PDB file of N, CA and C in Angstrom:
ATOM      1  N   MET A   1     -86.997-140.075  72.702  1.00  0.00           N
ATOM      2  CA  MET A   1     -85.786-138.887  72.967  1.00  0.00           C
ATOM      3  C   MET A   1     -86.110-137.343  72.622  1.00  0.00           C
ATOM      4  N   LYS A   2     -86.700-137.390  71.542  1.00  0.00           N
ATOM      5  CA  LYS A   2     -87.358-135.846  70.785  1.00  0.00           C
ATOM      6  C   LYS A   2     -88.315-135.413  72.141  1.00  0.00           C
ATOM      7  N   TYR A   3     -89.343-136.093  72.676  1.00  0.00           N
ATOM      8  CA  TYR A   3     -89.921-135.698  73.751  1.00  0.00           C
ATOM      9  C   TYR A   3     -89.164-135.228  75.121  1.00  0.00           C
ATOM     10  N   THR A   4     -88.164-135.738  75.449  1.00  0.00           N
ATOM     11  CA  THR A   4     -87.196-135.452  76.184  1.00  0.00           C
ATOM     12  C   THR A   4     -86.649-134.104  75.925  1.00  0.00           C
ATOM     13  N   THR A   5     -85.966-133.802  74.601  1.00  0.00           N
ATOM     14  CA  THR A   5     -85.544-132.735  74.433  1.00  0.00           C
ATOM     15  C   THR A   5     -86.218-131.838  74.124  1.00  0.00           C
ATOM     16  N   MET A   6     -87.280-131.660  73.795  1.00  0.00           N
ATOM     17  CA  MET A   6     -88.211-130.444  73.439  1.00  0.00           C
ATOM     18  C   MET A   6     -88.895-130.241  74.997  1.00  0.00           C
ATOM     19  N   PHE A   7     -89.028-131.130  75.885  1.00  0.00           N
ATOM     20  CA  PHE A   7     -89.680-131.051  77.190  1.00  0.00           C
ATOM     21  C   PHE A   7     -88.667-129.930  77.573  1.00  0.00           C
ATOM     22  N   SER A   8     -86.987-130.299  77.887  1.00  0.00           N
ATOM     23  CA  SER A   8     -86.425-129.543  78.448  1.00  0.00           C
ATOM     24  C   SER A   8     -85.916-128.194  77.418  1.00  0.00           C
ATOM     25  N   ALA A   9     -85.918-128.024  76.412  1.00  0.00           N
ATOM     26  CA  ALA A   9     -86.407-126.768  76.110  1.00  0.00           C
ATOM     27  C   ALA A   9     -87.609-125.781  76.378  1.00  0.00           C
ATOM     28  N   LEU A  10     -88.494-126.620  76.572  1.00  0.00           N
ATOM     29  CA  LEU A  10     -89.645-125.875  76.937  1.00  0.00           C
ATOM     30  C   LEU A  10     -89.512-125.373  78.346  1.00  0.00           C
ATOM     31  N   LEU A  11     -88.839-126.258  79.013  1.00  0.00           N
ATOM     32  CA  LEU A  11     -88.501-126.029  80.708  1.00  0.00           C
ATOM     33  C   LEU A  11     -87.543-124.511  80.828  1.00  0.00           C
ATOM     34  N   VAL A  12     -86.512-125.099  79.986  1.00  0.00           N
ATOM     35  CA  VAL A  12     -85.716-124.203  79.951  1.00  0.00           C
ATOM     36  C   VAL A  12     -86.003-122.457  79.522  1.00  0.00           C
ATOM     37  N   LEU A  13     -86.815-122.424  78.377  1.00  0.00           N
ATOM     38  CA  LEU A  13     -87.654-120.787  78.137  1.00  0.00           C
ATOM     39  C   LEU A  13     -88.384-120.836  79.189  1.00  0.00           C
ATOM     40  N   ALA A  14     -89.301-121.352  79.686  1.00  0.00           N
ATOM     41  CA  ALA A  14     -90.203-120.840  81.073  1.00  0.00           C
ATOM     42  C   ALA A  14     -89.542-120.641  82.089  1.00  0.00           C
ATOM     43  N   MET A  15     -88.112-121.358  82.402  1.00  0.00           N
ATOM     44  CA  MET A  15     -87.386-120.561  83.729  1.00  0.00           C
ATOM     45  C   MET A  15     -86.950-119.364  83.055  1.00  0.00           C
ATOM     46  N   ALA A  16     -86.673-119.215  81.980  1.00  0.00           N
ATOM     47  CA  ALA A  16     -85.726-117.777  81.389  1.00  0.00           C
ATOM     48  C   ALA A  16     -86.884-116.840  81.389  1.00  0.00           C
ATOM     49  N   ALA A  17     -88.360-116.951  81.041  1.00  0.00           N
ATOM     50  CA  ALA A  17     -88.949-116.080  81.045  1.00  0.00           C
ATOM     51  C   ALA A  17     -89.284-115.037  82.661  1.00  0.00           C
ATOM     52  N   GLY A  18     -89.374-115.952  83.192  1.00  0.00           N
ATOM     53  CA  GLY A  18     -89.623-115.948  84.582  1.00  0.00           C
ATOM     54  C   GLY A  18     -91.021-115.939  84.963  1.00  0.00           C
ATOM     55  N   CYS A  19     -91.577-115.550  86.239  1.00  0.00           N
ATOM     56  CA  CYS A  19     -93.065-115.878  86.370  1.00  0.00           C
ATOM     57  C   CYS A  19     -93.579-114.023  86.391  1.00  0.00           C
ATOM     58  N   THR A  20     -95.259-114.399  86.150  1.00  0.00           N
ATOM     59  CA  THR A  20     -95.855-112.895  86.157  1.00  0.00           C
ATOM     60  C   THR A  20     -96.253-112.731  87.369  1.00  0.00           C
ATOM     61  N   ARG A  21     -96.329-111.180  87.758  1.00  0.00           N
ATOM     62  CA  ARG A  21     -96.704-110.634  88.782  1.00  0.00           C
ATOM     63  C   ARG A  21     -97.991-110.904  89.243  1.00  0.00           C
ATOM     64  N   ASP A  22     -99.012-111.238  88.290  1.00  0.00           N
ATOM     65  CA  ASP A  22    -100.372-111.479  88.270  1.00  0.00           C
ATOM     66  C   ASP A  22    -100.819-113.049  89.001  1.00  0.00           C
ATOM     67  N   GLU A  23    -100.757-113.385  90.346  1.00  0.00           N
ATOM     68  CA  GLU A  23    -101.200-114.267  90.688  1.00  0.00           C
ATOM     69  C   GLU A  23    -102.109-115.493  90.227  1.00  0.00           C
ATOM     70  N   ASP A  24    -103.050-114.782  89.588  1.00  0.00           N
ATOM     71  CA  ASP A  24    -103.915-115.615  88.932  1.00  0.00           C
ATOM     72  C   ASP A  24    -103.848-116.216  87.581  1.00  0.00           C
ATOM     73  N   ALA A  25    -102.857-115.245  87.012  1.00  0.00           N
ATOM     74  CA  ALA A  25    -102.311-115.468  85.445  1.00  0.00           C
ATOM     75  C   ALA A  25    -101.557-116.960  85.826  1.00  0.00           C
ATOM     76  N   MET A  26    -101.313-117.484  84.537  1.00  0.00           N
ATOM     77  CA  MET A  26    -100.734-118.644  84.506  1.00  0.00           C
ATOM     78  C   MET A  26     -99.173-118.053  83.818  1.00  0.00           C
ATOM     79  N   GLY A  27     -97.981-118.738  84.790  1.00  0.00           N
ATOM     80  CA  GLY A  27     -96.957-118.252  84.337  1.00  0.00           C
ATOM     81  C   GLY A  27     -96.184-119.102  83.219  1.00  0.00           C
ATOM     82  N   PRO A  28     -94.949-119.352  82.858  1.00  0.00           N
ATOM     83  CA  PRO A  28     -94.755-119.644  81.616  1.00  0.00           C
ATOM     84  C   PRO A  28     -94.698-121.058  81.858  1.00  0.00           C
ATOM     85  N   ALA A  29     -94.133-121.541  83.018  1.00  0.00           N
ATOM     86  CA  ALA A  29     -93.606-122.879  83.698  1.00  0.00           C
ATOM     87  C   ALA A  29     -95.178-123.787  83.382  1.00  0.00           C
ATOM     88  N   GLN A  30     -96.299-122.759  84.116  1.00  0.00           N
ATOM     89  CA  GLN A  30     -97.301-123.205  83.974  1.00  0.00           C
ATOM     90  C   GLN A  30     -98.058-123.827  82.382  1.00  0.00           C
ATOM     91  N   LYS A  31     -97.978-122.623  81.814  1.00  0.00           N
ATOM     92  CA  LYS A  31     -98.118-122.887  79.968  1.00  0.00           C
ATOM     93  C   LYS A  31     -97.311-123.889  79.431  1.00  0.00           C
ATOM     94  N   ALA A  32     -96.498-124.015  79.962  1.00  0.00           N
ATOM     95  CA  ALA A  32     -95.300-125.098  79.473  1.00  0.00           C
ATOM     96  C   ALA A  32     -95.943-126.576  79.676  1.00  0.00           C
ATOM     97  N   GLY A  33     -96.125-126.504  81.308  1.00  0.00           N
ATOM     98  CA  GLY A  33     -96.896-127.803  81.835  1.00  0.00           C
ATOM     99  C   GLY A  33     -98.177-128.050  81.101  1.00  0.00           C
ATOM    100  N   LYS A  34     -99.030-127.259  81.079  1.00  0.00           N
ATOM    101  CA  LYS A  34    -100.316-127.358  80.454  1.00  0.00           C
ATOM    102  C   LYS A  34    -100.175-127.860  78.876  1.00  0.00           C
ATOM    103  N   ALA A  35     -99.301-127.351  78.180  1.00  0.00           N
ATOM    104  CA  ALA A  35     -98.707-127.772  76.755  1.00  0.00           C
ATOM    105  C   ALA A  35     -98.380-129.297  76.921  1.00  0.00           C
ATOM    106  N   VAL A  36     -97.571-129.501  77.521  1.00  0.00           N
ATOM    107  CA  VAL A  36     -96.849-130.814  77.636  1.00  0.00           C
ATOM    108  C   VAL A  36     -98.305-131.926  77.893  1.00  0.00           C
ATOM    109  N   ASP A  37     -98.733-131.656  78.916  1.00  0.00           N
ATOM    110  CA  ASP A  37    -100.215-132.635  79.701  1.00  0.00           C
ATOM    111  C   ASP A  37    -100.747-132.525  78.296  1.00  0.00           C
ATOM    112  N   GLU A  38    -101.093-131.754  77.618  1.00  0.00           N
ATOM    113  CA  GLU A  38    -102.423-131.512  76.352  1.00  0.00           C
ATOM    114  C   GLU A  38    -101.558-132.364  75.540  1.00  0.00           C
ATOM    115  N   ALA A  39    -100.546-132.252  74.650  1.00  0.00           N
ATOM    116  CA  ALA A  39     -99.932-133.118  74.110  1.00  0.00           C
ATOM    117  C   ALA A  39     -99.680-134.603  74.415  1.00  0.00           C
ATOM    118  N   GLY A  40     -99.609-135.119  76.001  1.00  0.00           N
ATOM    119  CA  GLY A  40     -99.590-136.233  76.386  1.00  0.00           C
ATOM    120  C   GLY A  40    -101.048-137.045  76.002  1.00  0.00           C
ATOM    121  N   ASP A  41    -102.040-135.868  76.431  1.00  0.00           N
ATOM    122  CA  ASP A  41    -103.590-136.578  76.341  1.00  0.00           C
ATOM    123  C   ASP A  41    -103.611-136.993  74.823  1.00  0.00           C
ATOM    124  N   ARG A  42    -103.031-136.068  73.844  1.00  0.00           N
ATOM    125  CA  ARG A  42    -103.683-136.166  72.525  1.00  0.00           C
ATOM    126  C   ARG A  42    -103.085-137.440  72.073  1.00  0.00           C
ATOM    127  N   VAL A  43    -101.745-137.476  72.636  1.00  0.00           N
ATOM    128  CA  VAL A  43    -100.960-139.331  71.845  1.00  0.00           C
ATOM    129  C   VAL A  43    -101.941-139.930  72.824  1.00  0.00           C
ATOM    130  N   ALA A  44    -101.954-140.363  73.868  1.00  0.00           N
ATOM    131  CA  ALA A  44    -102.766-140.891  74.858  1.00  0.00           C
ATOM    132  C   ALA A  44    -104.233-141.221  74.050  1.00  0.00           C
ATOM    133  N   GLU A  45    -104.977-140.384  73.768  1.00  0.00           N
ATOM    134  CA  GLU A  45    -106.142-140.856  72.806  1.00  0.00           C
ATOM    135  C   GLU A  45    -105.967-141.185  71.493  1.00  0.00           C
ATOM    136  N   ASN A  46    -104.813-140.890  70.861  1.00  0.00           N
ATOM    137  CA  ASN A  46    -104.701-141.253  69.407  1.00  0.00           C
ATOM    138  C   ASN A  46    -104.121-142.724  69.546  1.00  0.00           C
ATOM    139  N   LEU A  47    -103.502-143.450  70.505  1.00  0.00           N
ATOM    140  CA  LEU A  47    -103.391-144.700  70.870  1.00  0.00           C
ATOM    141  C   LEU A  47    -104.371-145.457  71.298  1.00  0.00           C
ATOM    142  N   ARG A  48    -105.337-144.862  72.154  1.00  0.00           N
ATOM    143  CA  ARG A  48    -106.339-145.533  72.837  1.00  0.00           C
ATOM    144  C   ARG A  48    -107.473-146.162  71.581  1.00  0.00           C
ATOM    145  N   ALA A  49    -107.935-145.575  70.849  1.00  0.00           N
ATOM    146  CA  ALA A  49    -108.613-146.270  69.649  1.00  0.00           C
ATOM    147  C   ALA A  49    -108.100-147.556  68.759  1.00  0.00           C
ATOM    148  N   PRO A  50    -106.942-147.080  68.202  1.00  0.00           N
ATOM    149  CA  PRO A  50    -106.315-148.715  67.777  1.00  0.00           C
ATOM    150  C   PRO A  50    -106.036-149.451  68.628  1.00  0.00           C
ATOM    151  N   LEU A  51    -105.730-149.274  70.269  1.00  0.00           N
ATOM    152  CA  LEU A  51    -105.599-150.480  71.129  1.00  0.00           C
ATOM    153  C   LEU A  51    -106.824-151.021  71.353  1.00  0.00           C
ATOM    154  N   GLU A  52    -108.229-150.315  71.691  1.00  0.00           N
ATOM    155  CA  GLU A  52    -109.260-150.777  71.674  1.00  0.00           C
ATOM    156  C   GLU A  52    -109.886-151.598  70.604  1.00  0.00           C
ATOM    157  N   LYS A  53    -109.584-151.162  69.492  1.00  0.00           N
ATOM    158  CA  LYS A  53    -109.763-152.091  68.090  1.00  0.00           C
ATOM    159  C   LYS A  53    -108.983-153.457  67.978  1.00  0.00           C
ATOM    160  N   ALA A  54    -107.826-153.522  68.565  1.00  0.00           N
ATOM    161  CA  ALA A  54    -106.807-154.673  68.737  1.00  0.00           C
ATOM    162  C   ALA A  54    -107.368-155.417  69.823  1.00  0.00           C
ATOM    163  N   ASP A  55    -107.803-155.032  70.484  1.00  0.00           N
ATOM    164  CA  ASP A  55    -108.472-155.572  71.909  1.00  0.00           C
ATOM    165  C   ASP A  55    -109.881-156.297  71.640  1.00  0.00           C
ATOM    166  N   GLU A  56    -110.734-155.747  70.797  1.00  0.00           N
ATOM    167  CA  GLU A  56    -111.828-156.295  70.171  1.00  0.00           C
ATOM    168  C   GLU A  56    -111.828-157.277  68.968  1.00  0.00           C
ATOM    169  N   ALA A  57    -110.518-156.992  68.054  1.00  0.00           N
ATOM    170  CA  ALA A  57    -110.437-158.145  67.372  1.00  0.00           C
ATOM    171  C   ALA A  57    -109.767-159.336  68.043  1.00  0.00           C
ATOM    172  N   ALA A  58    -109.016-159.341  69.041  1.00  0.00           N
ATOM    173  CA  ALA A  58    -108.825-160.868  70.031  1.00  0.00           C
ATOM    174  C   ALA A  58    -109.823-161.157  70.493  1.00  0.00           C
ATOM    175  N   LYS A  59    -111.014-160.733  71.133  1.00  0.00           N
ATOM    176  CA  LYS A  59    -111.822-161.332  71.742  1.00  0.00           C
ATOM    177  C   LYS A  59    -112.797-161.722  70.663  1.00  0.00           C
ATOM    178  N   LYS A  60    -113.033-161.202  69.245  1.00  0.00           N
ATOM    179  CA  LYS A  60    -113.259-161.918  68.455  1.00  0.00           C
ATOM    180  C   LYS A  60    -112.827-163.014  68.067  1.00  0.00           C
ATOM    181  N   LEU A  61    -111.688-163.023  67.981  1.00  0.00           N
ATOM    182  CA  LEU A  61    -110.670-164.536  67.361  1.00  0.00           C
ATOM    183  C   LEU A  61    -110.680-165.377  68.542  1.00  0.00           C
ATOM    184  N   ALA A  62    -110.867-165.106  69.778  1.00  0.00           N
ATOM    185  CA  ALA A  62    -110.889-166.102  70.592  1.00  0.00           C
ATOM    186  C   ALA A  62    -112.293-166.537  71.183  1.00  0.00           C
ATOM    187  N   GLU A  63    -113.730-165.712  70.865  1.00  0.00           N
ATOM    188  CA  GLU A  63    -114.744-166.507  70.308  1.00  0.00           C
ATOM    189  C   GLU A  63    -115.095-167.112  69.541  1.00  0.00           C
ATOM    190  N   ARG A  64    -114.143-167.036  68.239  1.00  0.00           N
ATOM    191  CA  ARG A  64    -114.321-167.878  67.057  1.00  0.00           C
ATOM    192  C   ARG A  64    -113.633-168.997  67.303  1.00  0.00           C
ATOM    193  N   ALA A  65    -112.433-169.019  67.953  1.00  0.00           N
ATOM    194  CA  ALA A  65    -111.450-170.245  68.221  1.00  0.00           C
ATOM    195  C   ALA A  65    -112.569-171.173  69.462  1.00  0.00           C
ATOM    196  N   GLU A  66    -112.827-170.429  70.125  1.00  0.00           N
ATOM    197  CA  GLU A  66    -113.877-171.522  71.200  1.00  0.00           C
ATOM    198  C   GLU A  66    -114.919-172.120  70.475  1.00  0.00           C
ATOM    199  N   GLN A  67    -115.414-171.274  69.398  1.00  0.00           N
ATOM    200  CA  GLN A  67    -116.710-171.897  68.698  1.00  0.00           C
ATOM    201  C   GLN A  67    -116.116-172.850  67.737  1.00  0.00           C
ATOM    202  N   GLU A  68    -115.501-173.054  67.172  1.00  0.00           N
ATOM    203  CA  GLU A  68    -114.372-173.992  66.434  1.00  0.00           C
ATOM    204  C   GLU A  68    -114.050-175.135  67.323  1.00  0.00           C
ATOM    205  N   ARG A  69    -113.480-175.061  68.742  1.00  0.00           N
ATOM    206  CA  ARG A  69    -113.386-176.161  69.338  1.00  0.00           C
ATOM    207  C   ARG A  69    -114.707-176.869  69.857  1.00  0.00           C
ATOM    208  N   ARG A  70    -115.508-176.108  70.116  1.00  0.00           N
ATOM    209  CA  ARG A  70    -117.073-176.900  70.296  1.00  0.00           C
ATOM    210  C   ARG A  70    -117.566-177.607  69.195  1.00  0.00           C
ATOM    211  N   GLN A  71    -117.289-177.161  67.803  1.00  0.00           N
ATOM    212  CA  GLN A  71    -117.681-178.125  66.856  1.00  0.00           C
ATOM    213  C   GLN A  71    -116.905-179.190  66.768  1.00  0.00           C
ATOM    214  N   LEU A  72    -115.572-179.135  66.550  1.00  0.00           N
ATOM    215  CA  LEU A  72    -114.407-180.055  66.388  1.00  0.00           C
ATOM    216  C   LEU A  72    -114.877-181.055  67.299  1.00  0.00           C
ATOM    217  N   ALA A  73    -115.466-180.543  68.997  1.00  0.00           N
ATOM    218  CA  ALA A  73    -115.565-181.443  69.847  1.00  0.00           C
ATOM    219  C   ALA A  73    -117.050-182.222  69.444  1.00  0.00           C
ATOM    220  N   GLU A  74    -117.785-181.739  69.011  1.00  0.00           N
ATOM    221  CA  GLU A  74    -119.343-182.115  68.469  1.00  0.00           C
ATOM    222  C   GLU A  74    -118.719-183.268  67.425  1.00  0.00           C
ATOM    223  N   ARG A  75    -118.179-183.123  66.485  1.00  0.00           N
ATOM    224  CA  ARG A  75    -117.917-183.885  65.300  1.00  0.00           C
ATOM    225  C   ARG A  75    -117.270-184.825  65.877  1.00  0.00           C
ATOM    226  N   THR A  76    -115.919-184.985  66.878  1.00  0.00           N
ATOM    227  CA  THR A  76    -115.837-185.898  66.988  1.00  0.00           C
ATOM    228  C   THR A  76    -116.419-187.056  67.933  1.00  0.00           C
ATOM    229  N   GLU A  77    -117.278-186.481  68.722  1.00  0.00           N
ATOM    230  CA  GLU A  77    -117.965-187.102  69.633  1.00  0.00           C
ATOM    231  C   GLU A  77    -119.322-187.645  68.600  1.00  0.00           C
ATOM    232  N   GLU A  78    -119.774-187.144  67.414  1.00  0.00           N
ATOM    233  CA  GLU A  78    -120.518-187.819  66.486  1.00  0.00           C
ATOM    234  C   GLU A  78    -119.550-188.968  65.786  1.00  0.00           C
ATOM    235  N   ALA A  79    -118.559-188.815  65.234  1.00  0.00           N
ATOM    236  CA  ALA A  79    -117.750-189.881  64.929  1.00  0.00           C
ATOM    237  C   ALA A  79    -117.509-190.748  65.541  1.00  0.00           C
ATOM    238  N   ARG A  80    -117.243-190.934  66.953  1.00  0.00           N
ATOM    239  CA  ARG A  80    -117.039-191.791  68.248  1.00  0.00           C
ATOM    240  C   ARG A  80    -118.563-192.582  67.770  1.00  0.00           C
ATOM    241  N   GLU A  81    -119.743-192.238  67.757  1.00  0.00           N
ATOM    242  CA  GLU A  81    -120.665-192.511  68.005  1.00  0.00           C
ATOM    243  C   GLU A  81    -121.145-193.801  66.837  1.00  0.00           C
ATOM    244  N   LYS A  82    -120.235-193.086  65.722  1.00  0.00           N
ATOM    245  CA  LYS A  82    -120.620-193.625  64.235  1.00  0.00           C
ATOM    246  C   LYS A  82    -119.957-194.824  64.159  1.00  0.00           C
ATOM    247  N   ILE A  83    -118.624-194.631  64.816  1.00  0.00           N
ATOM    248  CA  ILE A  83    -117.665-196.273  65.061  1.00  0.00           C
ATOM    249  C   ILE A  83    -118.338-197.261  65.702  1.00  0.00           C
ATOM    250  N   LYS A  84    -118.876-196.765  67.066  1.00  0.00           N
ATOM    251  CA  LYS A  84    -119.185-197.373  67.898  1.00  0.00           C
ATOM    252  C   LYS A  84    -120.691-198.390  67.377  1.00  0.00           C
ATOM    253  N   ASP A  85    -121.647-197.551  66.612  1.00  0.00           N
ATOM    254  CA  ASP A  85    -122.671-198.267  65.773  1.00  0.00           C
ATOM    255  C   ASP A  85    -122.388-199.076  64.765  1.00  0.00           C
ATOM    256  N   ALA A  86    -120.749-199.041  64.024  1.00  0.00           N
ATOM    257  CA  ALA A  86    -120.491-199.520  62.947  1.00  0.00           C
ATOM    258  C   ALA A  86    -119.595-201.117  63.685  1.00  0.00           C
ATOM    259  N   THR A  87    -118.903-200.778  64.762  1.00  0.00           N
ATOM    260  CA  THR A  87    -118.349-201.705  65.367  1.00  0.00           C
ATOM    261  C   THR A  87    -119.663-203.039  66.049  1.00  0.00           C
ATOM    262  N   GLN A  88    -120.653-202.252  66.728  1.00  0.00           N
ATOM    263  CA  GLN A  88    -121.827-203.195  67.343  1.00  0.00           C
ATOM    264  C   GLN A  88    -122.637-203.825  65.712  1.00  0.00           C
ATOM    265  N   GLU A  89    -122.791-203.012  65.006  1.00  0.00           N
ATOM    266  CA  GLU A  89    -123.295-203.875  63.651  1.00  0.00           C
ATOM    267  C   GLU A  89    -122.137-204.981  63.390  1.00  0.00           C
ATOM    268  N   ALA A  90    -121.137-204.190  63.019  1.00  0.00           N
ATOM    269  CA  ALA A  90    -120.347-205.937  62.582  1.00  0.00           C
ATOM    270  C   ALA A  90    -120.314-206.580  63.442  1.00  0.00           C
ATOM    271  N   GLY A  91    -120.101-206.525  64.667  1.00  0.00           N
ATOM    272  CA  GLY A  91    -120.104-207.739  65.757  1.00  0.00           C
ATOM    273  C   GLY A  91    -121.732-208.791  65.617  1.00  0.00           C
ATOM    274  N   ARG A  92    -122.881-207.630  65.273  1.00  0.00           N
ATOM    275  CA  ARG A  92    -124.215-208.625  65.138  1.00  0.00           C
ATOM    276  C   ARG A  92    -123.926-209.572  63.827  1.00  0.00           C
ATOM    277  N   GLY A  93    -122.981-209.175  62.975  1.00  0.00           N
ATOM    278  CA  GLY A  93    -122.945-209.760  61.403  1.00  0.00           C
ATOM    279  C   GLY A  93    -122.312-210.826  61.815  1.00  0.00           C
ATOM    280  N   LEU A  94    -121.336-210.845  62.744  1.00  0.00           N
ATOM    281  CA  LEU A  94    -120.394-211.785  62.627  1.00  0.00           C
ATOM    282  C   LEU A  94    -120.608-212.853  63.249  1.00  0.00           C
ATOM    283  N   GLU A  95    -121.981-212.225  64.391  1.00  0.00           N
ATOM    284  CA  GLU A  95    -122.513-213.319  65.201  1.00  0.00           C
ATOM    285  C   GLU A  95    -123.530-214.261  64.333  1.00  0.00           C
ATOM    286  N   LYS A  96    -124.167-213.517  63.233  1.00  0.00           N
ATOM    287  CA  LYS A  96    -125.102-214.217  62.213  1.00  0.00           C
ATOM    288  C   LYS A  96    -124.291-215.034  61.515  1.00  0.00           C
ATOM    289  N   ALA A  97    -123.048-214.964  61.273  1.00  0.00           N
ATOM    290  CA  ALA A  97    -122.411-215.492  60.384  1.00  0.00           C
ATOM    291  C   ALA A  97    -121.987-216.906  60.590  1.00  0.00           C
ATOM    292  N   THR A  98    -121.359-216.690  62.353  1.00  0.00           N
ATOM    293  CA  THR A  98    -120.698-217.772  62.654  1.00  0.00           C
ATOM    294  C   THR A  98    -122.180-218.612  63.241  1.00  0.00           C
ATOM    295  N   GLU A  99    -123.017-218.346  63.230  1.00  0.00           N
ATOM    296  CA  GLU A  99    -124.112-218.965  63.771  1.00  0.00           C
ATOM    297  C   GLU A  99    -124.889-220.070  62.408  1.00  0.00           C
ATOM    298  N   LYS A 100    -124.827-219.277  61.031  1.00  0.00           N
ATOM    299  CA  LYS A 100    -124.860-219.951  60.025  1.00  0.00           C
ATOM    300  C   LYS A 100    -123.949-221.208  59.521  1.00  0.00           C
ATOM    301  N   VAL A 101    -122.678-220.604  60.065  1.00  0.00           N
ATOM    302  CA  VAL A 101    -121.585-221.429  59.631  1.00  0.00           C
ATOM    303  C   VAL A 101    -121.560-222.467  60.540  1.00  0.00           C
ATOM    304  N   GLY A 102    -121.976-222.677  61.633  1.00  0.00           N
ATOM    305  CA  GLY A 102    -122.445-223.639  62.959  1.00  0.00           C
ATOM    306  C   GLY A 102    -123.393-224.275  62.206  1.00  0.00           C
ATOM    307  N   GLU A 103    -124.446-223.974  61.966  1.00  0.00           N
ATOM    308  CA  GLU A 103    -125.686-224.652  61.385  1.00  0.00           C
ATOM    309  C   GLU A 103    -124.759-225.855  60.457  1.00  0.00           C
ATOM    310  N   LYS A 104    -124.242-225.021  59.286  1.00  0.00           N
ATOM    311  CA  LYS A 104    -123.827-225.882  58.279  1.00  0.00           C
ATOM    312  C   LYS A 104    -122.787-227.004  58.883  1.00  0.00           C
ATOM    313  N   VAL A 105    -121.994-226.783  59.806  1.00  0.00           N
ATOM    314  CA  VAL A 105    -121.102-227.817  60.005  1.00  0.00           C
ATOM    315  C   VAL A 105    -121.940-228.818  60.469  1.00  0.00           C
ATOM    316  N   GLU A 106    -123.001-228.810  61.444  1.00  0.00           N
ATOM    317  CA  GLU A 106    -124.058-229.568  62.183  1.00  0.00           C
ATOM    318  C   GLU A 106    -124.390-230.118  61.479  1.00  0.00           C
ATOM    319  N   ARG A 107    -124.823-229.723  59.874  1.00  0.00           N
ATOM    320  CA  ARG A 107    -125.819-230.640  59.298  1.00  0.00           C
ATOM    321  C   ARG A 107    -124.872-231.301  58.403  1.00  0.00           C
ATOM    322  N   ALA A 108    -123.675-231.176  58.057  1.00  0.00           N
ATOM    323  CA  ALA A 108    -122.318-231.540  57.676  1.00  0.00           C
ATOM    324  C   ALA A 108    -122.065-232.893  58.490  1.00  0.00           C
ATOM    325  N   GLY A 109    -122.287-232.334  59.611  1.00  0.00           N
ATOM    326  CA  GLY A 109    -121.501-233.423  60.497  1.00  0.00           C
ATOM    327  C   GLY A 109    -122.805-234.876  60.809  1.00  0.00           C
ATOM    328  N   GLU A 110    -123.853-234.262  60.352  1.00  0.00           N
ATOM    329  CA  GLU A 110    -125.196-235.141  60.589  1.00  0.00           C
ATOM    330  C   GLU A 110    -125.187-235.901  59.466  1.00  0.00           C
ATOM    331  N   LYS A 111    -125.298-235.430  58.172  1.00  0.00           N
ATOM    332  CA  LYS A 111    -125.041-236.296  56.903  1.00  0.00           C
ATOM    333  C   LYS A 111    -123.969-237.322  57.157  1.00  0.00           C
ATOM    334  N   MET A 112    -122.524-236.952  57.639  1.00  0.00           N
ATOM    335  CA  MET A 112    -121.481-237.709  57.675  1.00  0.00           C
ATOM    336  C   MET A 112    -121.935-239.065  58.662  1.00  0.00           C
ATOM    337  N   GLN A 113    -122.766-238.828  59.829  1.00  0.00           N
ATOM    338  CA  GLN A 113    -123.256-239.535  60.738  1.00  0.00           C
ATOM    339  C   GLN A 113    -124.043-240.665  59.670  1.00  0.00           C
ATOM    340  N   GLU A 114    -124.925-240.163  59.140  1.00  0.00           N
ATOM    341  CA  GLU A 114    -125.788-240.706  58.535  1.00  0.00           C
ATOM    342  C   GLU A 114    -125.284-241.802  57.333  1.00  0.00           C
ATOM    343  N   ALA A 115    -124.450-241.087  56.663  1.00  0.00           N
ATOM    344  CA  ALA A 115    -123.507-241.793  55.731  1.00  0.00           C
ATOM    345  C   ALA A 115    -122.943-242.842  56.366  1.00  0.00           C
ATOM    346  N   ALA A 116    -122.189-242.855  57.243  1.00  0.00           N
ATOM    347  CA  ALA A 116    -121.758-243.892  58.084  1.00  0.00           C
ATOM    348  C   ALA A 116    -122.332-244.981  58.552  1.00  0.00           C
ATOM    349  N   ARG A 117    -123.786-244.747  58.984  1.00  0.00           N
ATOM    350  CA  ARG A 117    -124.511-245.806  59.187  1.00  0.00           C
ATOM    351  C   ARG A 117    -124.993-247.105  58.261  1.00  0.00           C
TER     352      ARG A 117
END
């Protein structure tokens, strides 16, 4: 709102002063317009640097998040492989134990048959 009021005041002053007779020289309205343009350019320039910094920070954050996502995916896959290996190893151990129990049961059955004769 301050800019609108300031611009209006500059425009009124420029209109009150009138134009010069020299066609090559800038008139008051042109000078006021130039001042407004320059002020706008300065404001834009002052805002550009912080916006570029924020954009760069957002890009770095996105890159870091993607890297973390990849690392998490790798760790998850490693954990799956370990679980798979452990399950297979447990299965092999169970097969061995079952085989041994079967052998002992078979021997016990044979002994029972011999004892019964």
